[in-house]
Amino acid sequence: MREEYELEVLERYDIEVRSTRRIRGAFFCDTNEGTMLLKETGISGRRAPLLYIVLSCLETRGNIKVDTPVFTKDGELLVSSRGGKTYMLRKWYHGRECEIRQEPEAVRAAETLAALHRGLQDEGIMELSESLLSGFGAARDPVDEIRRHNRELKKIRGFIRGRVTKNEFEYLFLDSFEKMYRTAEYVLAQMESSGCSALWRNATTGGRLMHGDYNYHNLLVSGADMAVTNFEHMKAGIQVHDLYYFMRKAMEKYSWKQKTGQKILEAYEETRALEPAEREYIGLRLAYPEKYWKTASSYYHSNKAWLPEKNVEKLRTALRQNEEKRAFLENIFSVAIQA
């Protein structure tokens, strides 16, 4: 029945649907205007038109392949089904997910990100009124974000210390806490004395938009091009946070191989040069033990009566990778993690 409701939604569009194929909660649609994707969305009615404006500008003026929303016959971007779900139809592309473990594709992804960031600085987007841009929301102050992470780490330690019977995960966390927390505090101190907050204020007040979730899952290799999809998390913020996030995910898979990281940075800078404050921001964010905090936080908020083995393995991985990236950060970003 739900599939029937979803297919009825397509009748609201002025397109000829030749065939559909369901995959991971969405429909690929072969139409007379190319491949499209129909998917349930949580985007608000206020945000949808803004998303269309930005993505259509990237597509037409920046020549960047993005999943621009499609209007219905009635000029709407969001459609509600009889089942009470809200859907959006978007342009899509034949292709496959970016293979991040293939170094040339990781480098291409960095080139694509730089082009995306340049496109987001197009005057057609930058001239949008402040009231319109506020519809995207803004990223948090990164210094405040790290400060909150550190407070949570101490809270988790206090909780685990108080447990009478401890499991393998908790012993491993307590054994590693002092060393990892020193790194976390070091990064916070460096960020507090750096230009990170100023970079954030300038970005948010100036309406600099970022993708918000730039990773290989949201990149489609389409022939000689790479399409960027899933802009649901777009917001005003430090654009190179996208580059930090992408690099962290990529370098974890490359065991922080310096040559690969350097190639990714160089590929980005061939299209968009990094400012000193931006490079400093990327280095400090990479230095923070994000995976350690995230794993501990996930455990703390979970049902601790049952301990999946993967939680222990994730914590071990976080500890190992923190050591692996030490030389990488010192040589690429001149950031020295305290032992």
Foldseek 3Di string as FASTA:
>chain_A
DVVVQQVVQVVQAPWAFPDWDDDDQWIWTQIPVGIKIKHFDPDDQLVLVVQLQLVVLCCPVLVAAEFHWDAGPVRGQWDATPVGTIITMTHDAPFAFQDLVPLVSLQQLLLSLLSSLVSLVDCSNLVPDLVSQCSLPADDQVLVVLVVLLVVLVVLLVVLVPDPDHDPQSVLCNVCVVQQSLLSVVLSVVCVPACSRVLFVCQQVSSRKAQQDRERRQWGDHPPHIHGYDSSNIHGGNHCVSVLVHCLVSCLSVLLDQVSSVSNQVSSCVNPNDDLSSLLVSLSVSLRLVQQSVLSVVCVPDDVVDDDPVSSVSNVSSVSSNVSCQVNSCVPRVDHRDD
